[in-house]
Amino acid sequence: MQEKNISRLTNHVEGFCPVLFSLPGGLLVVMPRVRVMTDEEYEKFDYESLVDHPDYRIPAEDKSDSFGWLNGQVVAIDYGN
């Protein structure tokens, strides 16, 4: 549910994987297909540079399966508090 609410507020904001569809109550959330970041990719990934923007912070956990590749860009796929 958090992804749905945050995605609605951050529609097309860099770094967030958008929610395309969801059911009430957060039972189902549909996002574009991404390739989840591997542990090896995550070791080279600069977490702070993606999540810490001057105007906003992406609320994503500091772990590989919170991020993926969408159209050649790294995006948060598991975000929320």
C-alpha atoms as a PDB file:
ATOM      1  CA  MET A   1       0.000   0.000   0.000  1.00  0.00           C
ATOM      2  CA  GLN A   2       2.879   2.359   0.745  1.00  0.00           C
ATOM      3  CA  GLU A   3       4.271   1.950  -2.764  1.00  0.00           C
ATOM      4  CA  LYS A   4       0.854   2.859  -4.211  1.00  0.00           C
ATOM      5  CA  ASN A   5       0.514   5.997  -2.081  1.00  0.00           C
ATOM      6  CA  ILE A   6       4.096   7.142  -2.576  1.00  0.00           C
ATOM      7  CA  SER A   7       3.966   6.428  -6.313  1.00  0.00           C
ATOM      8  CA  ARG A   8       0.848   8.549  -6.663  1.00  0.00           C
ATOM      9  CA  LEU A   9       2.662  11.470  -4.988  1.00  0.00           C
ATOM     10  CA  THR A  10       5.924  10.964  -6.887  1.00  0.00           C
ATOM     11  CA  ASN A  11       4.529  10.110 -10.323  1.00  0.00           C
ATOM     12  CA  HIS A  12       7.463  10.016 -12.760  1.00  0.00           C
ATOM     13  CA  VAL A  13      10.020  11.142 -10.174  1.00  0.00           C
ATOM     14  CA  GLU A  14      13.490   9.776 -10.860  1.00  0.00           C
ATOM     15  CA  GLY A  15      14.475   6.830  -8.701  1.00  0.00           C
ATOM     16  CA  PHE A  16      11.000   5.429  -7.995  1.00  0.00           C
ATOM     17  CA  CYS A  17       9.531   2.463  -9.853  1.00  0.00           C
ATOM     18  CA  PRO A  18       5.973   3.565 -10.703  1.00  0.00           C
ATOM     19  CA  VAL A  19       2.872   1.659  -9.633  1.00  0.00           C
ATOM     20  CA  LEU A  20       0.749   0.909 -12.696  1.00  0.00           C
ATOM     21  CA  PHE A  21      -2.187  -0.705 -10.916  1.00  0.00           C
ATOM     22  CA  SER A  22      -3.210  -1.708  -7.426  1.00  0.00           C
ATOM     23  CA  LEU A  23      -6.117  -3.242  -5.583  1.00  0.00           C
ATOM     24  CA  PRO A  24      -7.644  -1.588  -2.518  1.00  0.00           C
ATOM     25  CA  GLY A  25      -5.885  -2.454   0.715  1.00  0.00           C
ATOM     26  CA  GLY A  26      -2.576  -3.139  -1.008  1.00  0.00           C
ATOM     27  CA  LEU A  27      -3.383  -6.788  -1.747  1.00  0.00           C
ATOM     28  CA  LEU A  28      -1.921  -6.425  -5.233  1.00  0.00           C
ATOM     29  CA  VAL A  29       0.503  -3.854  -6.621  1.00  0.00           C
ATOM     30  CA  VAL A  30       1.580  -3.984 -10.277  1.00  0.00           C
ATOM     31  CA  MET A  31       4.790  -2.252 -11.346  1.00  0.00           C
ATOM     32  CA  PRO A  32       6.700  -2.434 -14.626  1.00  0.00           C
ATOM     33  CA  ARG A  33       8.908  -5.499 -14.901  1.00  0.00           C
ATOM     34  CA  VAL A  34      12.385  -4.770 -13.572  1.00  0.00           C
ATOM     35  CA  ARG A  35      15.494  -6.853 -13.132  1.00  0.00           C
ATOM     36  CA  VAL A  36      16.291  -6.959  -9.426  1.00  0.00           C
ATOM     37  CA  MET A  37      19.813  -5.881  -8.606  1.00  0.00           C
ATOM     38  CA  THR A  38      22.248  -8.704  -7.902  1.00  0.00           C
ATOM     39  CA  ASP A  39      24.368  -8.726  -4.753  1.00  0.00           C
ATOM     40  CA  GLU A  40      27.457  -8.094  -6.907  1.00  0.00           C
ATOM     41  CA  GLU A  41      25.821  -5.055  -8.560  1.00  0.00           C
ATOM     42  CA  TYR A  42      24.692  -3.795  -5.176  1.00  0.00           C
ATOM     43  CA  GLU A  43      28.231  -3.912  -3.788  1.00  0.00           C
ATOM     44  CA  LYS A  44      29.214  -1.372  -6.490  1.00  0.00           C
ATOM     45  CA  PHE A  45      25.994   0.667  -6.118  1.00  0.00           C
ATOM     46  CA  ASP A  46      26.083   4.068  -4.395  1.00  0.00           C
ATOM     47  CA  TYR A  47      22.934   3.813  -2.274  1.00  0.00           C
ATOM     48  CA  GLU A  48      23.125   7.357  -0.901  1.00  0.00           C
ATOM     49  CA  SER A  49      23.468   8.982  -4.316  1.00  0.00           C
ATOM     50  CA  LEU A  50      20.147   7.466  -5.444  1.00  0.00           C
ATOM     51  CA  VAL A  51      18.042   7.852  -2.325  1.00  0.00           C
ATOM     52  CA  ASP A  52      19.293  11.237  -1.090  1.00  0.00           C
ATOM     53  CA  HIS A  53      18.123  14.023  -3.421  1.00  0.00           C
ATOM     54  CA  PRO A  54      18.147  17.733  -2.540  1.00  0.00           C
ATOM     55  CA  ASP A  55      14.323  17.870  -2.737  1.00  0.00           C
ATOM     56  CA  TYR A  56      13.346  14.413  -1.467  1.00  0.00           C
ATOM     57  CA  ARG A  57      14.604  11.135  -0.030  1.00  0.00           C
ATOM     58  CA  ILE A  58      13.579   7.723  -1.337  1.00  0.00           C
ATOM     59  CA  PRO A  59      12.465   5.631   1.653  1.00  0.00           C
ATOM     60  CA  ALA A  60      14.082   2.358   0.571  1.00  0.00           C
ATOM     61  CA  GLU A  61      16.023  -0.125   2.663  1.00  0.00           C
ATOM     62  CA  ASP A  62      19.753  -0.398   2.079  1.00  0.00           C
ATOM     63  CA  LYS A  63      19.688  -3.883   0.478  1.00  0.00           C
ATOM     64  CA  SER A  64      19.961  -5.331  -3.016  1.00  0.00           C
ATOM     65  CA  ASP A  65      16.382  -6.536  -3.431  1.00  0.00           C
ATOM     66  CA  SER A  66      15.014  -3.021  -2.802  1.00  0.00           C
ATOM     67  CA  PHE A  67      16.401  -1.879  -6.174  1.00  0.00           C
ATOM     68  CA  GLY A  68      16.184  -2.949  -9.782  1.00  0.00           C
ATOM     69  CA  TRP A  69      16.896  -1.927 -13.347  1.00  0.00           C
ATOM     70  CA  LEU A  70      14.121  -0.261 -15.376  1.00  0.00           C
ATOM     71  CA  ASN A  71      14.997   0.931 -18.877  1.00  0.00           C
ATOM     72  CA  GLY A  72      18.692   1.022 -17.983  1.00  0.00           C
ATOM     73  CA  GLN A  73      18.150   3.093 -14.827  1.00  0.00           C
ATOM     74  CA  VAL A  74      18.290   1.996 -11.189  1.00  0.00           C
ATOM     75  CA  VAL A  75      14.953   2.451  -9.397  1.00  0.00           C
ATOM     76  CA  ALA A  76      13.646   1.661  -5.943  1.00  0.00           C
ATOM     77  CA  ILE A  77      11.148  -1.194  -6.146  1.00  0.00           C
ATOM     78  CA  ASP A  78      10.481  -1.716  -2.445  1.00  0.00           C
ATOM     79  CA  TYR A  79       9.948   1.662  -0.875  1.00  0.00           C
ATOM     80  CA  GLY A  80       8.021   3.016   2.088  1.00  0.00           C
ATOM     81  CA  ASN A  81       8.510   3.174   5.806  1.00  0.00           C
END
